[in-house]
Amino acid sequence: MSTLKLLRLFPVISSTVNLMWAHDEYAFLSSWMSSSYRAQADTLLPSWFKTWLQKGVWFPLGVSFPATVAVGLANIFTDRAGLEAVGALKWYWMGVGFTVAHFLYGPKAMRLLAAIQAGGQDGKATKPMGEWLRMHLTRIIIADLPAFICFTVAASKV
């Protein structure tokens, strides 16, 4: 595979990683919301989250999402005329835009994560957890999934 083909394909791969991370995160974090052990979750979530945040989010936030944006932009600025001619340029731009949109949820996500770590109001850590899960699902649908689709369409055109 040529370097250029790998460059064109990389955002598909990295946005797949981002989307799978988001899905998996939703799947395992939503299990804390089971009514059968809500009281235990309210007690354990704050300390569990402190540990998980230290270990579990550095790769997607520090490597995968930034790499997706960087390589998406590298694609845009490598043979722009060629990408424009086959109709891929706009799809790379949209993929980058949707990937960046993931971070627009950052302030709300950080506020909710801090509330979970603090135990929520009245010791109900599952309340901000439920809000975070709803926000996260919205972010997957509005940002992560469209980024993957756009990069896939872009790569299919080159």
N, C-alpha and C. Protein backbone atom coordinates (compact mmCIF):
# COMPACT_ATOMS: atom_id res chain seq x y z
N MET A 1 0.85 -1.17 0.00
CA MET A 1 0.00 0.00 0.00
C MET A 1 0.90 1.24 0.00
N SER A 2 0.59 2.18 -0.85
CA SER A 2 1.40 3.39 -0.95
C SER A 2 1.17 4.29 0.26
N THR A 3 2.12 5.17 0.49
CA THR A 3 2.01 6.12 1.59
C THR A 3 0.77 7.00 1.43
N LEU A 4 0.50 7.43 0.21
CA LEU A 4 -0.67 8.28 -0.04
C LEU A 4 -1.97 7.53 0.26
N LYS A 5 -2.04 6.26 -0.14
CA LYS A 5 -3.25 5.48 0.16
C LYS A 5 -3.43 5.30 1.67
N LEU A 6 -2.32 5.09 2.36
CA LEU A 6 -2.39 4.95 3.82
C LEU A 6 -2.85 6.27 4.45
N LEU A 7 -2.33 7.38 3.93
CA LEU A 7 -2.76 8.70 4.41
C LEU A 7 -4.26 8.87 4.22
N ARG A 8 -4.76 8.48 3.06
CA ARG A 8 -6.19 8.62 2.75
C ARG A 8 -7.05 7.72 3.63
N LEU A 9 -6.53 6.56 3.99
CA LEU A 9 -7.29 5.58 4.77
C LEU A 9 -7.19 5.80 6.29
N PHE A 10 -6.12 6.42 6.74
CA PHE A 10 -5.89 6.56 8.18
C PHE A 10 -7.07 7.17 8.94
N PRO A 11 -7.70 8.25 8.45
CA PRO A 11 -8.83 8.80 9.22
C PRO A 11 -10.01 7.83 9.35
N VAL A 12 -10.17 6.94 8.39
CA VAL A 12 -11.22 5.92 8.52
C VAL A 12 -10.88 5.00 9.69
N ILE A 13 -9.62 4.59 9.75
CA ILE A 13 -9.19 3.68 10.82
C ILE A 13 -9.28 4.38 12.18
N SER A 14 -8.74 5.59 12.27
CA SER A 14 -8.74 6.26 13.57
C SER A 14 -10.15 6.68 14.00
N SER A 15 -11.00 7.07 13.06
CA SER A 15 -12.38 7.40 13.45
C SER A 15 -13.16 6.14 13.84
N THR A 16 -12.77 5.00 13.28
CA THR A 16 -13.35 3.72 13.72
C THR A 16 -12.95 3.45 15.17
N VAL A 17 -11.68 3.68 15.49
CA VAL A 17 -11.20 3.53 16.87
C VAL A 17 -11.99 4.46 17.79
N ASN A 18 -12.15 5.72 17.37
CA ASN A 18 -12.88 6.69 18.19
C ASN A 18 -14.33 6.24 18.42
N LEU A 19 -14.96 5.78 17.36
CA LEU A 19 -16.36 5.36 17.45
C LEU A 19 -16.49 4.11 18.32
N MET A 20 -15.59 3.17 18.16
CA MET A 20 -15.64 1.95 18.98
C MET A 20 -15.38 2.28 20.45
N TRP A 21 -14.42 3.19 20.70
CA TRP A 21 -14.16 3.61 22.08
C TRP A 21 -15.43 4.21 22.67
N ALA A 22 -16.07 5.10 21.92
CA ALA A 22 -17.28 5.76 22.41
C ALA A 22 -18.38 4.74 22.68
N HIS A 23 -18.54 3.79 21.78
CA HIS A 23 -19.55 2.74 21.97
C HIS A 23 -19.24 1.92 23.21
N ASP A 24 -18.00 1.46 23.32
CA ASP A 24 -17.62 0.62 24.45
C ASP A 24 -17.76 1.38 25.77
N GLU A 25 -17.37 2.64 25.75
CA GLU A 25 -17.49 3.48 26.94
C GLU A 25 -18.97 3.55 27.37
N TYR A 26 -19.84 3.78 26.42
CA TYR A 26 -21.27 3.84 26.73
C TYR A 26 -21.75 2.49 27.27
N ALA A 27 -21.33 1.42 26.63
CA ALA A 27 -21.79 0.08 27.03
C ALA A 27 -21.37 -0.25 28.46
N PHE A 28 -20.10 -0.02 28.80
CA PHE A 28 -19.70 -0.43 30.15
C PHE A 28 -20.06 0.61 31.20
N LEU A 29 -20.10 1.88 30.86
CA LEU A 29 -20.47 2.87 31.88
C LEU A 29 -21.97 2.86 32.16
N SER A 30 -22.77 2.53 31.16
CA SER A 30 -24.22 2.48 31.40
C SER A 30 -24.60 1.33 32.32
N SER A 31 -23.74 0.33 32.45
CA SER A 31 -24.05 -0.77 33.36
C SER A 31 -24.10 -0.31 34.82
N TRP A 32 -23.46 0.81 35.13
CA TRP A 32 -23.53 1.37 36.48
C TRP A 32 -24.94 1.86 36.82
N MET A 33 -25.78 2.02 35.83
CA MET A 33 -27.09 2.62 36.04
C MET A 33 -28.18 1.60 36.37
N SER A 34 -27.83 0.34 36.48
CA SER A 34 -28.82 -0.69 36.79
C SER A 34 -29.50 -0.39 38.13
N SER A 35 -30.81 -0.45 38.14
CA SER A 35 -31.54 -0.16 39.38
C SER A 35 -31.29 -1.22 40.45
N SER A 36 -30.87 -2.41 40.05
CA SER A 36 -30.66 -3.48 41.03
C SER A 36 -29.47 -3.23 41.95
N TYR A 37 -28.55 -2.37 41.56
CA TYR A 37 -27.44 -2.04 42.46
C TYR A 37 -27.10 -0.54 42.41
N ARG A 38 -28.12 0.28 42.34
CA ARG A 38 -27.94 1.74 42.28
C ARG A 38 -27.25 2.26 43.54
N ALA A 39 -27.62 1.77 44.71
CA ALA A 39 -27.02 2.26 45.96
C ALA A 39 -25.52 1.97 45.99
N GLN A 40 -25.13 0.77 45.56
CA GLN A 40 -23.71 0.45 45.50
C GLN A 40 -22.98 1.32 44.48
N ALA A 41 -23.63 1.57 43.35
CA ALA A 41 -23.03 2.42 42.32
C ALA A 41 -22.82 3.83 42.85
N ASP A 42 -23.79 4.36 43.57
CA ASP A 42 -23.65 5.70 44.14
C ASP A 42 -22.45 5.78 45.09
N THR A 43 -22.18 4.68 45.78
CA THR A 43 -21.05 4.64 46.71
C THR A 43 -19.72 4.45 45.97
N LEU A 44 -19.68 3.54 45.00
CA LEU A 44 -18.43 3.18 44.34
C LEU A 44 -18.01 4.10 43.19
N LEU A 45 -18.97 4.67 42.49
CA LEU A 45 -18.65 5.47 41.30
C LEU A 45 -17.60 6.56 41.52
N PRO A 46 -17.69 7.36 42.58
CA PRO A 46 -16.70 8.44 42.73
C PRO A 46 -15.25 7.95 42.74
N SER A 47 -14.95 6.95 43.55
CA SER A 47 -13.56 6.47 43.60
C SER A 47 -13.19 5.68 42.35
N TRP A 48 -14.13 4.92 41.82
CA TRP A 48 -13.85 4.17 40.59
C TRP A 48 -13.54 5.12 39.45
N PHE A 49 -14.30 6.21 39.34
CA PHE A 49 -14.11 7.17 38.26
C PHE A 49 -12.76 7.85 38.34
N LYS A 50 -12.31 8.16 39.54
CA LYS A 50 -10.99 8.79 39.69
C LYS A 50 -9.91 7.88 39.11
N THR A 51 -10.00 6.60 39.41
CA THR A 51 -9.02 5.64 38.89
C THR A 51 -9.17 5.47 37.38
N TRP A 52 -10.40 5.31 36.93
CA TRP A 52 -10.64 5.10 35.50
C TRP A 52 -10.18 6.29 34.66
N LEU A 53 -10.46 7.51 35.12
CA LEU A 53 -10.07 8.69 34.35
C LEU A 53 -8.56 8.80 34.23
N GLN A 54 -7.83 8.38 35.26
CA GLN A 54 -6.37 8.43 35.20
C GLN A 54 -5.82 7.41 34.20
N LYS A 55 -6.51 6.29 34.03
CA LYS A 55 -6.00 5.22 33.18
C LYS A 55 -6.69 5.09 31.84
N GLY A 56 -7.96 5.48 31.77
CA GLY A 56 -8.77 5.09 30.63
C GLY A 56 -9.01 6.07 29.52
N VAL A 57 -8.67 7.34 29.71
CA VAL A 57 -9.05 8.29 28.66
C VAL A 57 -7.86 8.93 27.95
N TRP A 58 -6.65 8.62 28.36
CA TRP A 58 -5.50 9.29 27.74
C TRP A 58 -5.35 8.92 26.27
N PHE A 59 -5.62 7.68 25.89
CA PHE A 59 -5.43 7.30 24.49
C PHE A 59 -6.41 7.98 23.55
N PRO A 60 -7.72 7.88 23.79
CA PRO A 60 -8.61 8.54 22.83
C PRO A 60 -8.46 10.06 22.82
N LEU A 61 -8.34 10.67 23.98
CA LEU A 61 -8.27 12.13 24.02
C LEU A 61 -6.88 12.66 23.68
N GLY A 62 -5.85 11.91 24.02
CA GLY A 62 -4.49 12.38 23.80
C GLY A 62 -3.84 11.91 22.51
N VAL A 63 -4.36 10.82 21.94
CA VAL A 63 -3.74 10.25 20.74
C VAL A 63 -4.73 10.12 19.59
N SER A 64 -5.78 9.36 19.77
CA SER A 64 -6.64 8.97 18.66
C SER A 64 -7.41 10.14 18.05
N PHE A 65 -8.09 10.93 18.87
CA PHE A 65 -8.83 12.07 18.33
C PHE A 65 -7.89 13.11 17.71
N PRO A 66 -6.80 13.51 18.40
CA PRO A 66 -5.88 14.46 17.76
C PRO A 66 -5.25 13.93 16.47
N ALA A 67 -4.93 12.64 16.44
CA ALA A 67 -4.36 12.05 15.22
C ALA A 67 -5.38 12.08 14.09
N THR A 68 -6.64 11.83 14.41
CA THR A 68 -7.69 11.88 13.39
C THR A 68 -7.77 13.27 12.78
N VAL A 69 -7.76 14.29 13.62
CA VAL A 69 -7.81 15.67 13.13
C VAL A 69 -6.56 15.99 12.31
N ALA A 70 -5.39 15.66 12.84
CA ALA A 70 -4.13 15.99 12.17
C ALA A 70 -4.02 15.31 10.81
N VAL A 71 -4.34 14.03 10.75
CA VAL A 71 -4.21 13.31 9.48
C VAL A 71 -5.35 13.69 8.54
N GLY A 72 -6.51 14.00 9.08
CA GLY A 72 -7.58 14.53 8.23
C GLY A 72 -7.15 15.82 7.55
N LEU A 73 -6.52 16.71 8.32
CA LEU A 73 -6.01 17.96 7.74
C LEU A 73 -4.87 17.70 6.77
N ALA A 74 -4.00 16.74 7.09
CA ALA A 74 -2.92 16.39 6.16
C ALA A 74 -3.50 15.93 4.82
N ASN A 75 -4.58 15.19 4.87
CA ASN A 75 -5.24 14.77 3.63
C ASN A 75 -5.75 15.98 2.85
N ILE A 76 -6.37 16.90 3.55
CA ILE A 76 -6.94 18.08 2.91
C ILE A 76 -5.87 18.89 2.19
N PHE A 77 -4.69 18.97 2.79
CA PHE A 77 -3.64 19.80 2.22
C PHE A 77 -2.65 19.02 1.36
N THR A 78 -2.95 17.75 1.09
CA THR A 78 -2.13 16.94 0.19
C THR A 78 -2.95 16.67 -1.07
N ASP A 79 -2.55 17.26 -2.16
CA ASP A 79 -3.23 17.12 -3.46
C ASP A 79 -4.70 17.53 -3.36
N ARG A 80 -4.90 18.76 -2.92
CA ARG A 80 -6.27 19.29 -2.79
C ARG A 80 -7.02 19.22 -4.12
N ALA A 81 -6.32 19.56 -5.20
CA ALA A 81 -6.99 19.55 -6.51
C ALA A 81 -7.47 18.14 -6.86
N GLY A 82 -6.65 17.15 -6.55
CA GLY A 82 -7.05 15.76 -6.81
C GLY A 82 -8.25 15.34 -5.98
N LEU A 83 -8.25 15.74 -4.72
CA LEU A 83 -9.39 15.42 -3.85
C LEU A 83 -10.64 16.14 -4.31
N GLU A 84 -10.48 17.38 -4.73
CA GLU A 84 -11.62 18.16 -5.23
C GLU A 84 -12.18 17.51 -6.49
N ALA A 85 -11.30 17.05 -7.36
CA ALA A 85 -11.73 16.48 -8.64
C ALA A 85 -12.59 15.22 -8.46
N VAL A 86 -12.30 14.44 -7.42
CA VAL A 86 -13.07 13.21 -7.20
C VAL A 86 -14.18 13.39 -6.16
N GLY A 87 -14.32 14.61 -5.65
CA GLY A 87 -15.39 14.88 -4.69
C GLY A 87 -15.09 14.45 -3.27
N ALA A 88 -13.82 14.25 -2.94
CA ALA A 88 -13.47 13.79 -1.60
C ALA A 88 -13.11 14.92 -0.64
N LEU A 89 -12.71 16.06 -1.17
CA LEU A 89 -12.22 17.15 -0.32
C LEU A 89 -13.25 17.56 0.73
N LYS A 90 -14.47 17.79 0.28
CA LYS A 90 -15.51 18.23 1.23
C LYS A 90 -15.76 17.18 2.31
N TRP A 91 -15.63 15.90 1.97
CA TRP A 91 -15.86 14.83 2.94
C TRP A 91 -14.75 14.80 3.99
N TYR A 92 -13.50 15.05 3.57
CA TYR A 92 -12.42 15.14 4.55
C TYR A 92 -12.64 16.34 5.47
N TRP A 93 -13.05 17.48 4.90
CA TRP A 93 -13.34 18.66 5.72
C TRP A 93 -14.44 18.35 6.73
N MET A 94 -15.51 17.72 6.28
CA MET A 94 -16.61 17.40 7.19
C MET A 94 -16.16 16.41 8.26
N GLY A 95 -15.36 15.42 7.88
CA GLY A 95 -14.85 14.47 8.87
C GLY A 95 -14.04 15.15 9.95
N VAL A 96 -13.17 16.08 9.54
CA VAL A 96 -12.39 16.85 10.51
C VAL A 96 -13.33 17.68 11.39
N GLY A 97 -14.30 18.33 10.77
CA GLY A 97 -15.24 19.15 11.52
C GLY A 97 -16.01 18.36 12.56
N PHE A 98 -16.51 17.19 12.18
CA PHE A 98 -17.25 16.36 13.14
C PHE A 98 -16.33 15.83 14.24
N THR A 99 -15.08 15.53 13.90
CA THR A 99 -14.14 15.07 14.93
C THR A 99 -13.88 16.19 15.93
N VAL A 100 -13.69 17.40 15.45
CA VAL A 100 -13.50 18.55 16.34
C VAL A 100 -14.77 18.79 17.17
N ALA A 101 -15.93 18.54 16.58
CA ALA A 101 -17.20 18.73 17.30
C ALA A 101 -17.27 17.87 18.56
N HIS A 102 -16.58 16.74 18.56
CA HIS A 102 -16.53 15.90 19.75
C HIS A 102 -16.08 16.73 20.95
N PHE A 103 -15.10 17.60 20.73
CA PHE A 103 -14.52 18.38 21.82
C PHE A 103 -15.39 19.55 22.26
N LEU A 104 -16.39 19.90 21.47
CA LEU A 104 -17.31 20.96 21.88
C LEU A 104 -18.11 20.55 23.11
N TYR A 105 -18.22 19.26 23.33
CA TYR A 105 -18.91 18.73 24.50
C TYR A 105 -18.00 18.70 25.73
N GLY A 106 -16.73 19.04 25.55
CA GLY A 106 -15.74 18.95 26.62
C GLY A 106 -16.11 19.66 27.91
N PRO A 107 -16.50 20.93 27.87
CA PRO A 107 -16.82 21.62 29.13
C PRO A 107 -17.95 20.94 29.91
N LYS A 108 -19.00 20.55 29.22
CA LYS A 108 -20.11 19.87 29.90
C LYS A 108 -19.66 18.51 30.41
N ALA A 109 -18.92 17.77 29.59
CA ALA A 109 -18.43 16.45 30.00
C ALA A 109 -17.55 16.56 31.24
N MET A 110 -16.65 17.53 31.25
CA MET A 110 -15.75 17.69 32.39
C MET A 110 -16.51 18.08 33.66
N ARG A 111 -17.52 18.93 33.51
CA ARG A 111 -18.34 19.32 34.66
C ARG A 111 -19.07 18.09 35.23
N LEU A 112 -19.63 17.27 34.36
CA LEU A 112 -20.35 16.08 34.82
C LEU A 112 -19.40 15.05 35.42
N LEU A 113 -18.23 14.87 34.81
CA LEU A 113 -17.25 13.93 35.36
C LEU A 113 -16.78 14.38 36.74
N ALA A 114 -16.59 15.68 36.92
CA ALA A 114 -16.22 16.20 38.24
C ALA A 114 -17.34 15.95 39.25
N ALA A 115 -18.59 16.11 38.82
CA ALA A 115 -19.73 15.86 39.72
C ALA A 115 -19.80 14.39 40.10
N ILE A 116 -19.50 13.50 39.17
CA ILE A 116 -19.50 12.07 39.48
C ILE A 116 -18.42 11.78 40.51
N GLN A 117 -17.21 12.31 40.29
CA GLN A 117 -16.11 12.08 41.23
C GLN A 117 -16.39 12.66 42.61
N ALA A 118 -17.17 13.74 42.64
CA ALA A 118 -17.53 14.37 43.92
C ALA A 118 -18.69 13.65 44.61
N GLY A 119 -19.27 12.67 43.95
CA GLY A 119 -20.35 11.91 44.55
C GLY A 119 -21.74 12.43 44.24
N GLY A 120 -21.83 13.42 43.36
CA GLY A 120 -23.14 13.97 43.01
C GLY A 120 -23.78 14.69 44.17
N GLN A 121 -24.95 15.23 43.94
CA GLN A 121 -25.68 15.89 45.03
C GLN A 121 -26.30 14.82 45.92
N ASP A 122 -26.21 15.04 47.21
CA ASP A 122 -26.80 14.10 48.18
C ASP A 122 -26.26 12.69 48.03
N GLY A 123 -25.00 12.55 47.57
CA GLY A 123 -24.39 11.23 47.45
C GLY A 123 -24.94 10.37 46.33
N LYS A 124 -25.58 10.98 45.36
CA LYS A 124 -26.17 10.26 44.23
C LYS A 124 -25.29 10.46 42.99
N ALA A 125 -24.18 9.75 42.92
CA ALA A 125 -23.26 9.87 41.78
C ALA A 125 -23.89 9.38 40.48
N THR A 126 -24.92 8.55 40.59
CA THR A 126 -25.56 8.05 39.37
C THR A 126 -26.38 9.14 38.67
N LYS A 127 -26.74 10.20 39.39
CA LYS A 127 -27.49 11.28 38.72
C LYS A 127 -26.62 11.98 37.68
N PRO A 128 -25.44 12.52 38.02
CA PRO A 128 -24.61 13.10 36.97
C PRO A 128 -24.11 12.05 35.97
N MET A 129 -24.01 10.79 36.42
CA MET A 129 -23.62 9.73 35.50
C MET A 129 -24.68 9.56 34.41
N GLY A 130 -25.94 9.58 34.80
CA GLY A 130 -27.03 9.49 33.82
C GLY A 130 -27.01 10.65 32.84
N GLU A 131 -26.74 11.86 33.36
CA GLU A 131 -26.64 13.03 32.48
C GLU A 131 -25.47 12.88 31.52
N TRP A 132 -24.33 12.40 32.04
CA TRP A 132 -23.15 12.21 31.20
C TRP A 132 -23.45 11.18 30.10
N LEU A 133 -24.12 10.09 30.44
CA LEU A 133 -24.43 9.06 29.45
C LEU A 133 -25.34 9.61 28.34
N ARG A 134 -26.33 10.42 28.71
CA ARG A 134 -27.20 11.03 27.69
C ARG A 134 -26.39 11.98 26.80
N MET A 135 -25.52 12.79 27.40
CA MET A 135 -24.68 13.69 26.63
C MET A 135 -23.74 12.90 25.71
N HIS A 136 -23.18 11.84 26.24
CA HIS A 136 -22.24 11.01 25.49
C HIS A 136 -22.93 10.35 24.29
N LEU A 137 -24.12 9.83 24.49
CA LEU A 137 -24.86 9.22 23.38
C LEU A 137 -25.18 10.26 22.31
N THR A 138 -25.57 11.44 22.75
CA THR A 138 -25.82 12.53 21.80
C THR A 138 -24.55 12.86 21.02
N ARG A 139 -23.42 12.93 21.71
CA ARG A 139 -22.13 13.23 21.08
C ARG A 139 -21.75 12.14 20.07
N ILE A 140 -22.01 10.90 20.40
CA ILE A 140 -21.73 9.81 19.45
C ILE A 140 -22.54 10.02 18.18
N ILE A 141 -23.83 10.32 18.34
CA ILE A 141 -24.73 10.45 17.19
C ILE A 141 -24.44 11.71 16.38
N ILE A 142 -24.10 12.81 17.06
CA ILE A 142 -23.91 14.09 16.37
C ILE A 142 -22.48 14.29 15.87
N ALA A 143 -21.50 13.71 16.53
CA ALA A 143 -20.10 13.98 16.17
C ALA A 143 -19.35 12.73 15.70
N ASP A 144 -19.28 11.71 16.53
CA ASP A 144 -18.40 10.57 16.26
C ASP A 144 -18.86 9.73 15.07
N LEU A 145 -20.13 9.39 15.02
CA LEU A 145 -20.65 8.60 13.90
C LEU A 145 -20.56 9.37 12.58
N PRO A 146 -20.98 10.64 12.53
CA PRO A 146 -20.83 11.38 11.27
C PRO A 146 -19.37 11.52 10.82
N ALA A 147 -18.43 11.68 11.77
CA ALA A 147 -17.01 11.76 11.39
C ALA A 147 -16.59 10.48 10.69
N PHE A 148 -16.94 9.35 11.27
CA PHE A 148 -16.61 8.06 10.66
C PHE A 148 -17.23 7.94 9.27
N ILE A 149 -18.49 8.30 9.13
CA ILE A 149 -19.17 8.22 7.83
C ILE A 149 -18.48 9.12 6.81
N CYS A 150 -18.18 10.35 7.20
CA CYS A 150 -17.55 11.29 6.26
C CYS A 150 -16.18 10.80 5.81
N PHE A 151 -15.37 10.32 6.74
CA PHE A 151 -14.04 9.83 6.35
C PHE A 151 -14.14 8.58 5.48
N THR A 152 -15.13 7.74 5.74
CA THR A 152 -15.33 6.55 4.92
C THR A 152 -15.73 6.93 3.51
N VAL A 153 -16.64 7.87 3.38
CA VAL A 153 -17.05 8.35 2.05
C VAL A 153 -15.85 8.97 1.34
N ALA A 154 -15.09 9.81 2.05
CA ALA A 154 -13.92 10.46 1.45
C ALA A 154 -12.94 9.42 0.91
N ALA A 155 -12.62 8.43 1.73
CA ALA A 155 -11.65 7.42 1.32
C ALA A 155 -12.17 6.57 0.17
N SER A 156 -13.48 6.37 0.11
CA SER A 156 -14.04 5.56 -0.97
C SER A 156 -13.97 6.27 -2.32
N LYS A 157 -13.78 7.57 -2.29
CA LYS A 157 -13.75 8.35 -3.53
C LYS A 157 -12.34 8.46 -4.12
N VAL A 158 -11.33 8.11 -3.36
CA VAL A 158 -9.95 8.27 -3.86
C VAL A 158 -9.33 6.94 -4.25
